[in-house]
Protein backbone atom coordinates (compact mmCIF):
# COMPACT_ATOMS: atom_id res chain seq x y z
CA UNK A 1 32.33 26.54 -37.67
CA UNK A 2 28.55 26.92 -37.31
CA UNK A 3 27.07 24.59 -34.71
CA UNK A 4 23.39 24.49 -35.68
CA UNK A 5 23.12 21.00 -34.22
CA UNK A 6 23.24 22.46 -30.72
CA UNK A 7 20.07 24.50 -31.15
CA UNK A 8 18.20 21.96 -33.29
CA UNK A 9 18.77 19.27 -30.67
CA UNK A 10 17.09 21.37 -28.02
CA UNK A 11 13.41 21.26 -27.21
CA UNK A 12 10.98 24.12 -26.43
CA UNK A 13 13.00 24.90 -23.30
CA UNK A 14 15.58 26.40 -25.66
CA UNK A 15 14.25 30.02 -25.69
CA UNK A 16 14.72 30.38 -21.93
CA UNK A 17 18.26 28.97 -22.14
CA UNK A 18 18.97 31.08 -25.22
CA UNK A 19 18.01 34.26 -23.36
CA UNK A 20 20.18 33.18 -20.44
CA UNK A 21 23.21 32.46 -22.64
CA UNK A 22 22.82 35.80 -24.42
CA UNK A 23 22.75 37.58 -21.06
CA UNK A 24 25.79 35.68 -19.82
CA UNK A 25 27.68 36.50 -23.03
CA UNK A 26 26.83 40.17 -22.59
CA UNK A 27 28.34 40.09 -19.11
CA UNK A 28 31.37 37.85 -19.68
CA UNK A 29 32.48 37.10 -23.20
CA UNK A 30 33.60 34.41 -23.96
CA UNK A 31 30.99 32.01 -22.67
CA UNK A 32 31.25 28.28 -23.37
CA UNK A 33 28.59 25.55 -23.19
CA UNK A 34 30.29 22.35 -22.03
CA UNK A 35 29.57 18.78 -21.07
CA UNK A 36 26.87 16.33 -22.02
CA UNK A 37 24.68 18.77 -23.94
CA UNK A 38 27.49 19.33 -26.45
CA UNK A 39 28.08 15.60 -26.76
CA UNK A 40 24.38 14.87 -27.26
CA UNK A 41 23.96 17.67 -29.80
CA UNK A 42 26.81 16.31 -31.89
CA UNK A 43 25.29 12.82 -31.65
CA UNK A 44 21.94 14.19 -32.76
CA UNK A 45 20.30 13.02 -29.53
CA UNK A 46 17.20 15.13 -29.09
CA UNK A 47 16.05 15.27 -25.50
CA UNK A 48 14.16 17.40 -23.03
CA UNK A 49 16.85 19.86 -22.02
CA UNK A 50 16.50 20.80 -18.37
CA UNK A 51 20.09 21.47 -17.29
CA UNK A 52 23.07 23.19 -18.80
CA UNK A 53 26.73 23.64 -17.84
CA UNK A 54 28.46 26.89 -18.77
CA UNK A 55 31.96 28.17 -18.07
CA UNK A 56 33.28 31.72 -18.07
CA UNK A 57 36.85 32.93 -17.63
CA UNK A 58 36.37 34.28 -14.08
CA UNK A 59 33.97 35.71 -11.48
CA UNK A 60 31.24 33.20 -12.23
CA UNK A 61 29.21 34.03 -9.13
CA UNK A 62 29.25 37.78 -9.83
CA UNK A 63 28.23 37.23 -13.45
CA UNK A 64 25.51 34.73 -12.53
CA UNK A 65 24.05 36.99 -9.85
CA UNK A 66 23.80 39.95 -12.22
CA UNK A 67 22.15 37.85 -14.93
CA UNK A 68 19.73 36.29 -12.44
CA UNK A 69 18.63 39.74 -11.28
CA UNK A 70 18.07 40.84 -14.86
CA UNK A 71 16.14 37.77 -16.08
CA UNK A 72 14.35 36.65 -12.92
CA UNK A 73 16.17 33.35 -12.45
CA UNK A 74 16.90 32.21 -8.89
CA UNK A 75 20.59 32.43 -7.95
CA UNK A 76 22.57 30.18 -5.60
CA UNK A 77 26.27 30.22 -4.76
CA UNK A 78 26.78 26.51 -5.33
CA UNK A 79 30.50 26.46 -4.50
CA UNK A 80 31.90 29.87 -3.58
CA UNK A 81 35.43 28.54 -3.07
CA UNK A 82 35.60 27.10 -6.59
CA UNK A 83 33.48 29.94 -7.99
CA UNK A 84 30.49 27.88 -9.16
CA UNK A 85 26.95 29.30 -9.23
CA UNK A 86 23.57 27.76 -9.98
CA UNK A 87 20.72 29.51 -11.75
CA UNK A 88 17.20 28.03 -11.62
CA UNK A 89 14.19 29.02 -13.73
CA UNK A 90 10.91 27.82 -12.23
CA UNK A 91 8.42 29.61 -14.53
CA UNK A 92 8.22 26.57 -16.79
CA UNK A 93 6.63 23.11 -16.77
CA UNK A 94 9.91 21.61 -15.55
CA UNK A 95 12.48 23.68 -13.61
CA UNK A 96 15.51 24.63 -15.72
CA UNK A 97 18.97 24.59 -14.15
CA UNK A 98 22.17 26.18 -15.36
CA UNK A 99 25.48 25.84 -13.52
CA UNK A 100 27.95 28.61 -14.23
CA UNK A 101 31.58 27.97 -13.30
CA UNK A 102 34.85 29.81 -13.62
CA UNK A 103 37.35 28.02 -15.83
CA UNK A 104 39.51 25.64 -13.87
CA UNK A 105 43.09 26.81 -14.15
CA UNK A 106 41.89 30.14 -15.51
CA UNK A 107 41.92 29.03 -19.13
CA UNK A 108 39.77 26.87 -21.38
CA UNK A 109 42.46 24.28 -22.20
CA UNK A 110 43.14 23.59 -18.50
CA UNK A 111 39.41 23.30 -17.79
CA UNK A 112 38.76 20.81 -20.58
CA UNK A 113 41.85 18.77 -19.64
CA UNK A 114 40.45 18.36 -16.12
CA UNK A 115 37.23 16.68 -17.29
CA UNK A 116 36.40 12.99 -17.24
CA UNK A 117 36.02 11.67 -20.79
CA UNK A 118 36.93 13.14 -24.14
CA UNK A 119 33.33 13.09 -25.36
CA UNK A 120 32.44 15.31 -22.39
CA UNK A 121 35.46 17.59 -22.79
CA UNK A 122 34.31 19.61 -25.79
CA UNK A 123 32.98 23.16 -25.61
CA UNK A 124 30.83 25.36 -27.81
CA UNK A 125 31.47 29.06 -27.73
CA UNK A 126 28.27 31.06 -27.46
CA UNK A 127 27.80 34.40 -29.14
CA UNK A 128 24.58 36.28 -29.55
CA UNK A 129 21.77 33.79 -30.35
CA UNK A 130 24.02 30.99 -31.55
CA UNK A 131 26.80 28.53 -30.74
CA UNK A 132 29.45 29.57 -33.20
CA UNK A 133 32.58 27.53 -32.56
CA UNK A 134 33.39 24.00 -31.40
CA UNK A 135 36.50 23.67 -29.26
CA UNK A 136 37.82 20.10 -29.22
CA UNK A 137 41.31 19.86 -27.76
CA UNK A 138 41.21 16.17 -26.84
CA UNK A 139 39.82 14.52 -29.99
CA UNK A 140 36.41 14.06 -28.44
CA UNK A 141 34.64 14.25 -31.78
CA UNK A 142 36.78 11.43 -33.12
CA UNK A 143 35.81 9.30 -30.11
CA UNK A 144 32.16 10.18 -30.69
CA UNK A 145 32.41 8.91 -34.25
CA UNK A 146 34.03 5.69 -33.00
CA UNK A 147 31.42 5.37 -30.21
CA UNK A 148 34.27 5.13 -27.73
CA UNK A 149 34.56 6.30 -24.12
CA UNK A 150 38.10 7.40 -23.35
CA UNK A 151 39.61 9.17 -20.34
CA UNK A 152 40.96 12.66 -20.98
CA UNK A 153 44.21 12.13 -19.08
CA UNK A 154 45.84 9.23 -17.18
CA UNK A 155 44.79 10.87 -13.91
CA UNK A 156 41.18 11.65 -14.88
CA UNK A 157 39.76 8.61 -13.09
CA UNK A 158 41.99 8.77 -10.02
CA UNK A 159 41.15 12.44 -9.48
CA UNK A 160 37.50 11.56 -8.93
CA UNK A 161 36.69 7.83 -8.55
CA UNK A 162 32.94 8.37 -9.00
CA UNK A 163 33.88 8.60 -12.69
CA UNK A 164 34.24 4.82 -12.64
CA UNK A 165 30.48 4.59 -12.20
CA UNK A 166 29.87 7.36 -14.71
CA UNK A 167 31.87 5.43 -17.31
CA UNK A 168 29.54 2.45 -16.96
CA UNK A 169 26.46 4.63 -17.07
CA UNK A 170 27.58 6.46 -20.21
CA UNK A 171 28.72 3.27 -21.92
CA UNK A 172 25.25 1.75 -21.47
CA UNK A 173 23.33 4.96 -22.09
CA UNK A 174 25.17 5.81 -25.32
CA UNK A 175 25.94 2.23 -26.40
CA UNK A 176 29.68 3.04 -26.39
CA UNK A 177 32.63 0.79 -25.68
CA UNK A 178 35.14 1.75 -23.02
CA UNK A 179 38.62 2.29 -24.48
CA UNK A 180 41.11 -0.35 -23.29
CA UNK A 181 43.52 1.84 -21.29
CA UNK A 182 40.56 3.52 -19.60
CA UNK A 183 39.05 0.17 -18.70
CA UNK A 184 42.34 -1.22 -17.39
CA UNK A 185 42.71 1.77 -15.10
CA UNK A 186 39.13 1.37 -13.91
CA UNK A 187 39.82 -2.23 -12.95
CA UNK A 188 43.07 -1.29 -11.17
CA UNK A 189 41.62 1.47 -9.00
CA UNK A 190 38.17 0.03 -8.27
CA UNK A 191 38.82 0.07 -4.51
CA UNK A 192 38.96 3.87 -4.71
CA UNK A 193 35.16 3.80 -4.91
CA UNK A 194 35.24 3.28 -1.15
CA UNK A 195 36.50 6.86 -0.84
CA UNK A 196 33.52 8.40 -2.64
CA UNK A 197 30.88 9.98 -0.41
CA UNK A 198 27.65 7.96 0.01
CA UNK A 199 25.62 10.80 -1.45
CA UNK A 200 27.60 10.83 -4.71
CA UNK A 201 27.47 7.04 -4.98
CA UNK A 202 23.72 7.18 -4.39
CA UNK A 203 23.17 9.83 -7.07
CA UNK A 204 25.23 7.95 -9.66
CA UNK A 205 23.50 4.65 -8.88
CA UNK A 206 20.14 6.41 -9.18
CA UNK A 207 21.09 7.58 -12.68
CA UNK A 208 22.29 4.09 -13.59
CA UNK A 209 19.04 2.43 -12.54
CA UNK A 210 17.06 5.12 -14.38
CA UNK A 211 18.60 3.99 -17.69
CA UNK A 212 16.55 2.23 -20.34
CA UNK A 213 18.64 -0.94 -19.82
CA UNK A 214 20.00 -0.85 -16.27
CA UNK A 215 20.47 -4.62 -16.23
CA UNK A 216 23.40 -4.18 -18.64
CA UNK A 217 25.00 -1.68 -16.27
CA UNK A 218 24.45 -4.04 -13.34
CA UNK A 219 26.19 -6.83 -15.25
CA UNK A 220 29.16 -4.52 -15.86
CA UNK A 221 29.25 -3.51 -12.19
CA UNK A 222 29.32 -7.18 -11.27
CA UNK A 223 31.93 -8.08 -13.88
CA UNK A 224 34.25 -5.26 -12.80
CA UNK A 225 33.61 -6.15 -9.11
CA UNK A 226 32.34 -2.66 -8.33
CA UNK A 227 29.08 -4.21 -7.16
CA UNK A 228 30.95 -6.10 -4.43
CA UNK A 229 32.29 -2.79 -3.14
CA UNK A 230 29.17 -0.66 -3.34
CA UNK A 231 26.27 -3.11 -2.92
CA UNK A 232 27.74 -6.30 -1.46
CA UNK A 233 24.30 -7.63 -0.54
CA UNK A 234 23.31 -7.59 -4.22
CA UNK A 235 26.62 -9.12 -5.32
CA UNK A 236 26.10 -12.04 -2.93
CA UNK A 237 23.07 -13.18 -4.93
CA UNK A 238 25.33 -14.36 -7.75
CA UNK A 239 25.51 -18.15 -8.01
CA UNK A 240 22.78 -18.78 -5.40
CA UNK A 241 20.82 -21.59 -7.02
CA UNK A 242 17.04 -21.91 -6.79
CA UNK A 243 14.57 -24.74 -7.27
CA UNK A 244 11.86 -24.99 -9.90
CA UNK A 245 9.92 -23.16 -11.16
CA UNK A 246 13.00 -20.90 -11.11
CA UNK A 247 15.46 -21.68 -13.88
CA UNK A 248 18.12 -19.10 -12.96
CA UNK A 249 20.20 -18.23 -9.92
CA UNK A 250 19.03 -15.39 -7.69
CA UNK A 251 21.19 -12.75 -9.37
CA UNK A 252 20.09 -13.61 -12.91
CA UNK A 253 16.48 -13.79 -11.75
CA UNK A 254 16.95 -10.34 -10.24
CA UNK A 255 18.25 -8.93 -13.53
CA UNK A 256 15.14 -10.30 -15.25
CA UNK A 257 12.95 -8.67 -12.62
CA UNK A 258 14.78 -5.38 -13.16
CA UNK A 259 14.14 -5.63 -16.90
CA UNK A 260 10.41 -6.24 -16.36
CA UNK A 261 10.26 -3.43 -13.79
CA UNK A 262 11.78 -1.06 -16.34
CA UNK A 263 9.06 -1.97 -18.84
CA UNK A 264 6.37 -1.25 -16.23
CA UNK A 265 8.03 1.99 -15.15
CA UNK A 266 8.40 3.26 -18.69
CA UNK A 267 4.81 2.43 -19.57
CA UNK A 268 3.19 3.75 -16.41
CA UNK A 269 5.23 6.90 -15.94
CA UNK A 270 6.69 7.75 -19.32
CA UNK A 271 3.99 6.41 -21.69
CA UNK A 272 6.25 4.02 -23.59
CA UNK A 273 4.54 0.98 -25.17
CA UNK A 274 4.31 -2.21 -23.15
CA UNK A 275 1.91 -4.14 -25.39
CA UNK A 276 4.61 -5.32 -27.80
CA UNK A 277 4.46 -8.77 -26.17
CA UNK A 278 1.60 -11.00 -25.05
CA UNK A 279 2.57 -10.56 -21.40
CA UNK A 280 2.73 -6.78 -21.75
CA UNK A 281 -0.55 -6.63 -23.65
CA UNK A 282 -2.25 -8.51 -20.81
CA UNK A 283 -0.97 -5.95 -18.30
CA UNK A 284 -1.96 -3.02 -20.52
CA UNK A 285 -5.53 -4.32 -20.88
CA UNK A 286 -6.01 -5.18 -17.20
CA UNK A 287 -4.59 -1.95 -15.80
CA UNK A 288 -6.00 0.42 -18.45
CA UNK A 289 -8.92 1.58 -16.23
CA UNK A 290 -6.47 2.65 -13.51
CA UNK A 291 -3.76 4.14 -15.71
CA UNK A 292 -4.43 7.86 -15.07
CA UNK A 293 -4.48 7.42 -11.29
CA UNK A 294 -1.41 5.14 -11.34
CA UNK A 295 0.51 7.68 -13.40
CA UNK A 296 -0.50 10.41 -11.00
CA UNK A 297 0.87 8.42 -8.06
CA UNK A 298 4.06 7.31 -9.78
CA UNK A 299 5.01 10.79 -10.95
CA UNK A 300 5.06 11.99 -7.33
CA UNK A 301 8.51 12.58 -5.88
CA UNK A 302 9.81 10.93 -2.74
CA UNK A 303 12.75 13.25 -2.04
CA UNK A 304 15.23 15.39 -3.99
CA UNK A 305 13.22 15.09 -7.22
CA UNK A 306 13.39 11.28 -7.17
CA UNK A 307 10.20 9.99 -8.75
CA UNK A 308 8.12 7.22 -7.23
CA UNK A 309 8.13 5.40 -10.59
CA UNK A 310 11.90 5.00 -10.59
CA UNK A 311 11.75 3.18 -7.27
CA UNK A 312 10.14 0.21 -9.06
CA UNK A 313 13.55 -0.71 -10.46
CA UNK A 314 15.18 -0.38 -7.03
CA UNK A 315 12.53 -2.66 -5.52
CA UNK A 316 13.21 -5.23 -8.23
CA UNK A 317 16.95 -5.07 -7.57
CA UNK A 318 16.54 -5.64 -3.83
CA UNK A 319 13.47 -7.88 -3.58
CA UNK A 320 15.41 -11.16 -3.13
CA UNK A 321 18.48 -9.83 -1.36
CA UNK A 322 17.59 -11.90 1.70
CA UNK A 323 17.85 -15.23 -0.14
CA UNK A 324 21.62 -15.89 0.18
CA UNK A 325 21.47 -15.86 3.98
CA UNK A 326 18.24 -17.84 4.29
CA UNK A 327 18.79 -20.65 1.79
CA UNK A 328 18.42 -24.22 3.04
CA UNK A 329 18.69 -27.44 1.03
CA UNK A 330 16.83 -30.71 1.44
CA UNK A 331 16.76 -33.96 -0.49
CA UNK A 332 13.40 -34.90 -1.96
CA UNK A 333 12.05 -38.27 -3.07
CA UNK A 334 13.80 -38.49 -6.43
CA UNK A 335 17.15 -37.52 -4.95
CA UNK A 336 17.03 -33.97 -6.27
CA UNK A 337 17.82 -31.00 -4.05
CA UNK A 338 15.09 -28.58 -3.09
CA UNK A 339 16.15 -25.11 -1.99
CA UNK A 340 14.02 -23.07 0.37
CA UNK A 341 14.32 -19.43 1.46
CA UNK A 342 12.04 -19.17 4.47
CA UNK A 343 11.85 -15.64 5.84
CA UNK A 344 13.92 -14.13 3.03
CA UNK A 345 11.52 -11.22 2.70
CA UNK A 346 12.03 -10.13 6.32
CA UNK A 347 15.82 -10.48 6.15
CA UNK A 348 15.92 -8.80 2.76
CA UNK A 349 13.77 -5.93 3.96
CA UNK A 350 16.19 -5.22 6.79
CA UNK A 351 19.27 -5.45 4.57
CA UNK A 352 17.73 -3.19 1.94
CA UNK A 353 16.68 -0.59 4.49
CA UNK A 354 20.16 -0.56 6.02
CA UNK A 355 21.76 -0.01 2.62
CA UNK A 356 19.32 2.80 1.79
CA UNK A 357 20.24 4.48 5.06
CA UNK A 358 23.95 4.05 4.34
CA UNK A 359 23.43 5.69 0.93
CA UNK A 360 21.72 8.63 2.66
CA UNK A 361 18.28 8.19 1.18
CA UNK A 362 15.54 9.91 3.15
CA UNK A 363 13.90 8.23 6.11
CA UNK A 364 10.69 7.79 4.14
CA UNK A 365 12.51 6.25 1.17
CA UNK A 366 14.35 3.80 3.41
CA UNK A 367 11.16 2.72 5.18
CA UNK A 368 9.34 2.49 1.85
CA UNK A 369 12.01 0.11 0.59
CA UNK A 370 11.70 -2.01 3.70
CA UNK A 371 7.90 -2.16 3.53
CA UNK A 372 7.75 -3.16 -0.15
CA UNK A 373 10.46 -5.82 0.14
CA UNK A 374 8.85 -7.27 3.25
CA UNK A 375 5.45 -7.52 1.52
CA UNK A 376 6.62 -8.66 -1.92
CA UNK A 377 5.56 -12.32 -1.48
CA UNK A 378 1.99 -11.45 -0.50
CA UNK A 379 0.58 -11.04 -4.04
CA UNK A 380 2.10 -14.41 -5.00
CA UNK A 381 0.49 -16.09 -1.99
CA UNK A 382 -2.88 -14.46 -2.65
CA UNK A 383 -2.79 -15.63 -6.26
CA UNK A 384 -1.95 -19.17 -5.17
CA UNK A 385 -4.75 -19.16 -2.57
CA UNK A 386 -7.53 -17.89 -4.84
CA UNK A 387 -6.51 -19.64 -8.06
CA UNK A 388 -8.95 -18.73 -10.82
CA UNK A 389 -11.41 -17.12 -8.37
CA UNK A 390 -11.57 -13.36 -7.71
CA UNK A 391 -9.84 -12.04 -4.62
CA UNK A 392 -12.15 -11.28 -1.73
CA UNK A 393 -12.50 -7.71 -0.52
CA UNK A 394 -11.37 -8.85 2.92
CA UNK A 395 -8.15 -10.28 1.42
CA UNK A 396 -7.54 -7.03 -0.47
CA UNK A 397 -8.06 -5.00 2.68
CA UNK A 398 -5.68 -7.17 4.71
CA UNK A 399 -3.05 -6.91 1.99
CA UNK A 400 -3.04 -3.12 2.02
CA UNK A 401 -3.27 -2.95 5.78
CA UNK A 402 -0.35 -5.28 6.34
CA UNK A 403 1.85 -3.95 3.54
CA UNK A 404 1.61 -0.44 4.97
CA UNK A 405 2.60 -1.58 8.46
CA UNK A 406 5.63 0.36 9.62
CA UNK A 407 5.27 2.91 6.84
CA UNK A 408 2.27 4.91 7.90
CA UNK A 409 3.43 8.18 6.34
CA UNK A 410 1.55 7.40 3.12
CA UNK A 411 -0.49 4.37 4.06
CA UNK A 412 -3.75 6.24 3.54
CA UNK A 413 -3.12 6.45 -0.20
CA UNK A 414 -2.13 2.79 -0.42
CA UNK A 415 1.16 3.62 -2.11
CA UNK A 416 3.12 0.83 -0.41
CA UNK A 417 0.55 -1.71 -1.54
CA UNK A 418 0.45 -0.37 -5.09
CA UNK A 419 4.25 -0.44 -5.32
CA UNK A 420 4.24 -4.01 -3.99
CA UNK A 421 1.74 -5.18 -6.61
CA UNK A 422 3.76 -3.63 -9.43
CA UNK A 423 6.94 -5.24 -8.11
CA UNK A 424 5.10 -8.58 -7.95
CA UNK A 425 4.16 -8.30 -11.63
CA UNK A 426 7.84 -7.91 -12.52
CA UNK A 427 8.95 -10.63 -10.09
CA UNK A 428 6.41 -13.20 -11.29
CA UNK A 429 7.47 -12.77 -14.92
CA UNK A 430 11.13 -13.10 -13.90
CA UNK A 431 10.58 -16.55 -12.39
CA UNK A 432 10.11 -18.08 -15.82
CA UNK A 433 12.15 -17.96 -19.01
CA UNK A 434 8.96 -18.39 -21.04
CA UNK A 435 6.69 -15.42 -21.71
CA UNK A 436 3.95 -15.09 -20.78
CA UNK A 437 4.45 -17.18 -17.64
CA UNK A 438 1.96 -19.86 -16.54
CA UNK A 439 -1.46 -18.66 -15.35
CA UNK A 440 -0.49 -15.14 -16.37
CA UNK A 441 -4.02 -13.96 -17.14
CA UNK A 442 -5.26 -14.95 -13.67
CA UNK A 443 -2.19 -13.45 -12.01
CA UNK A 444 -2.61 -10.10 -13.75
CA UNK A 445 -6.34 -10.11 -12.97
CA UNK A 446 -5.56 -10.57 -9.28
CA UNK A 447 -3.02 -7.75 -9.44
CA UNK A 448 -5.64 -5.54 -11.07
CA UNK A 449 -8.16 -6.42 -8.36
CA UNK A 450 -5.70 -5.33 -5.68
CA UNK A 451 -4.96 -2.09 -7.50
CA UNK A 452 -8.67 -1.45 -8.02
CA UNK A 453 -9.30 -1.86 -4.29
CA UNK A 454 -6.39 0.40 -3.42
CA UNK A 455 -7.53 3.19 -5.72
CA UNK A 456 -11.34 2.94 -5.68
CA UNK A 457 -13.40 5.34 -3.51
CA UNK A 458 -15.26 2.37 -2.01
CA UNK A 459 -12.09 0.41 -1.38
CA UNK A 460 -9.10 1.33 0.75
CA UNK A 461 -10.05 5.01 1.09
CA UNK A 462 -13.46 4.15 2.47
CA UNK A 463 -12.15 1.70 5.05
CA UNK A 464 -9.74 4.37 6.29
CA UNK A 465 -12.90 6.30 7.24
CA UNK A 466 -14.56 3.81 9.61
CA UNK A 467 -18.31 3.66 10.12
CA UNK A 468 -17.83 3.62 13.89
CA UNK A 469 -15.01 5.26 15.84
CA UNK A 470 -13.50 4.39 19.19
CA UNK A 471 -15.29 7.11 21.14
CA UNK A 472 -18.64 5.85 19.87
CA UNK A 473 -17.81 2.28 20.90
CA UNK A 474 -16.74 3.34 24.39
CA UNK A 475 -19.82 5.49 24.91
CA UNK A 476 -22.33 3.03 23.45
CA UNK A 477 -21.05 -0.05 25.27
CA UNK A 478 -19.62 1.75 28.31
CA UNK A 479 -16.12 0.40 27.65
CA UNK A 480 -12.84 1.70 29.05
CA UNK A 481 -9.99 2.72 26.73
CA UNK A 482 -7.62 -0.13 25.95
CA UNK A 483 -6.51 -2.79 23.45
CA UNK A 484 -10.05 -4.17 23.25
CA UNK A 485 -11.19 -1.00 21.45
CA UNK A 486 -8.44 -1.26 18.87
CA UNK A 487 -9.22 -4.92 18.22
CA UNK A 488 -12.94 -4.16 17.80
CA UNK A 489 -12.23 -1.33 15.38
CA UNK A 490 -10.02 -3.55 13.26
CA UNK A 491 -12.70 -6.25 13.07
CA UNK A 492 -15.25 -3.62 12.04
CA UNK A 493 -12.93 -2.26 9.36
CA UNK A 494 -12.46 -5.76 7.94
CA UNK A 495 -16.22 -6.30 7.89
CA UNK A 496 -16.68 -2.93 6.20
CA UNK A 497 -14.06 -3.79 3.58
CA UNK A 498 -15.77 -7.14 2.96
CA UNK A 499 -19.11 -5.40 2.43
CA UNK A 500 -20.69 -7.06 5.48
CA UNK A 501 -21.62 -3.73 7.11
CA UNK A 502 -22.46 -0.47 5.40
CA UNK A 503 -23.93 1.82 8.09
CA UNK A 504 -22.96 2.89 11.63
CA UNK A 505 -26.00 1.00 12.94
CA UNK A 506 -24.80 -2.23 11.29
CA UNK A 507 -21.36 -1.56 12.73
CA UNK A 508 -22.69 -1.23 16.27
CA UNK A 509 -24.80 -4.36 15.84
CA UNK A 510 -21.74 -6.33 14.74
CA UNK A 511 -19.72 -4.90 17.63
CA UNK A 512 -22.40 -6.11 20.05
CA UNK A 513 -22.20 -9.60 18.57
CA UNK A 514 -18.40 -9.58 18.80
CA UNK A 515 -18.52 -8.48 22.44
CA UNK A 516 -20.99 -11.19 23.39
CA UNK A 517 -19.13 -13.85 21.43
CA UNK A 518 -22.05 -14.69 19.17
CA UNK A 519 -19.94 -14.39 15.99
């Protein structure tokens, strides 16, 4: 059976993979392409192919090493005990990865039977320049046609409990239903998720939140009570009522914020339209002048190829996690109950950072999470304070200074502040069921003013290069080192940010006035 759909579904990365598959077939016939790429090809899902899974009968590491030497791919012994190798091709816009494994059980049928879901347990045999034969021993193609996710065997899920999370991810990603027996088993063995390593949980959750509709996956995690096991702080937001202008409990508000964060992420980083609504069109117009620089920042990676843009969804998920433990209730004049959440940003920041550490995110990623969550109310407060008026440069400076506190690794670029503003745009929309929300034009304008200050050469960058340094102050005024110097420098930076001083001479004159108490 000719499998042209495999090659037509692939993008321009195909020639490099084609050469690799031909070389592997020359070394170890038969060679089989397996996993998600086969599933997606049969579904007609065209995507940017960057990774491939291949199985050979035996000696995968020996075969992979020989092919790597011939073609110039990098070779790694990924799992010598199980005979799994990784080949990486870096001479392309995006690195290409191919994992080569020996067949589990020494034969194709045993290997496919050991996989997770039937739609992932099909293989395409590769012969020179083409996939020539589909091997489907578990009726995966039938399940594809029915848009159904079904376990391969009764022990598929128990063998590797991380597949419980994968089932949810694939169901949302592919818009499939989970077959009843598979779902019943998932519900029975949910506690087995506690046995999965933090790193594997982290990586699967990262993929879930990178989906186009992660809020659907989060609802499923909550419904199946997996959220209570993996992210109990998030699960505790369910049913926590809020006062007006909120019209939803904290968890449902959070899902809205996630949805709005996805729209921002996809527009800023992946160039998907956001102007299909009045609220989105307002954002697109206001942030258009800063779009190239924002995209440049958000396509940076934090660690392990995790992009800065994808953190926007994580910030949205965690921004109100401190509310359950800080809620207080008070009766107001008409007898209604008013709920308050004083200090929820500080408590939430600590809880979020602790969970990031438990999931083995990098130190920078954990501190970034803490800094953004701790600062997430600041844009709201600035908007309320300035109303329809523009933000002052001094207020913009203080926002970026304070938001970066405790996360100095990248404070100079203002990334913490930029992330916080983008989170605030998603959070503000999520407060209201109506779209656009009240005073939306003014709110977005204030957000744009903060971003402009953070990115402009005469904004945050300039104030990080002070007109007067500490050595100059000590020499000019004959001062000893100490806290007084730091306090003076900060006052001069604020004045510089506000446009009150523009030269070293003006800085020294202001310092003299500050020291004599005349200002």
